[in-house]
Amino acid sequence: MDYGDIGQQYTEERNEALIASQRALAQQTLEITGTCHNPRCEDDCGPKPFCDAKCRDEYDNLKKRRS
């Protein structure tokens, strides 16, 4: 086994771990409260956690900045 094989094996293991962690995050569901979970939006969303895709993306970006 040479350095290239070792590097490829490490990369594949790391990618699998990252994919698994992203899938776990995606499966977490937000409680539906009737209002948008995006703190910059105070609209009523009804039976959805976000008003639209734009609010969801903004929420994800804000969450990433805090981490």
Protein backbone atom coordinates (compact mmCIF):
# COMPACT_ATOMS: atom_id res chain seq x y z
CA MET A 1 0.00 0.00 0.00
CA ASP A 2 1.50 3.32 -1.01
CA TYR A 3 0.73 6.87 0.12
CA GLY A 4 -1.84 7.37 -2.64
CA ASP A 5 -3.85 4.36 -1.49
CA ILE A 6 -3.69 5.47 2.13
CA GLY A 7 -4.86 8.96 1.17
CA GLN A 8 -7.72 7.61 -0.93
CA GLN A 9 -8.85 5.29 1.87
CA TYR A 10 -8.81 8.15 4.38
CA THR A 11 -10.73 10.40 1.99
CA GLU A 12 -13.41 7.76 1.38
CA GLU A 13 -13.83 7.15 5.12
CA ARG A 14 -14.04 10.88 5.81
CA ASN A 15 -16.59 11.40 3.02
CA GLU A 16 -18.77 8.58 4.36
CA ALA A 17 -18.67 10.12 7.84
CA LEU A 18 -19.58 13.57 6.50
CA ILE A 19 -22.45 12.18 4.43
CA ALA A 20 -23.79 10.30 7.46
CA SER A 21 -23.65 13.44 9.63
CA GLN A 22 -25.43 15.54 6.98
CA ARG A 23 -28.14 12.92 6.62
CA ALA A 24 -28.64 12.91 10.39
CA LEU A 25 -29.01 16.70 10.39
CA ALA A 26 -31.45 16.57 7.48
CA GLN A 27 -33.64 14.09 9.32
CA GLN A 28 -34.10 16.38 12.30
CA THR A 29 -37.50 17.96 12.08
CA LEU A 30 -38.54 21.33 13.42
CA GLU A 31 -41.61 21.71 15.54
CA ILE A 32 -44.48 23.25 13.59
CA THR A 33 -45.64 26.27 15.56
CA GLY A 34 -47.56 28.15 12.88
CA THR A 35 -44.94 30.88 12.63
CA CYS A 36 -41.80 30.82 10.53
CA HIS A 37 -38.68 29.49 12.29
CA ASN A 38 -36.58 32.11 10.51
CA PRO A 39 -36.00 34.84 13.11
CA ARG A 40 -35.97 37.53 10.42
CA CYS A 41 -39.44 36.51 9.22
CA GLU A 42 -42.49 36.77 11.43
CA ASP A 43 -45.10 35.53 8.96
CA ASP A 44 -47.63 32.84 9.66
CA CYS A 45 -46.70 29.65 7.83
CA GLY A 46 -49.59 27.39 8.73
CA PRO A 47 -48.72 23.69 8.74
CA LYS A 48 -45.11 24.22 7.57
CA PRO A 49 -41.96 25.15 9.51
CA PHE A 50 -40.99 27.83 6.91
CA CYS A 51 -42.92 30.16 4.61
CA ASP A 52 -40.90 29.25 1.53
CA ALA A 53 -37.51 27.99 0.35
CA LYS A 54 -35.97 31.45 0.69
CA CYS A 55 -36.81 31.59 4.42
CA ARG A 56 -35.48 28.06 4.92
CA ASP A 57 -32.20 28.88 3.16
CA GLU A 58 -31.79 32.08 5.17
CA TYR A 59 -32.42 30.10 8.38
CA ASP A 60 -29.78 27.52 7.37
CA ASN A 61 -27.25 30.29 6.62
CA LEU A 62 -27.88 31.97 9.99
CA LYS A 63 -27.52 28.63 11.76
CA LYS A 64 -24.19 27.97 10.03
CA ARG A 65 -22.84 31.38 11.08
CA ARG A 66 -23.66 30.69 14.73
CA SER A 67 -21.87 27.32 14.68
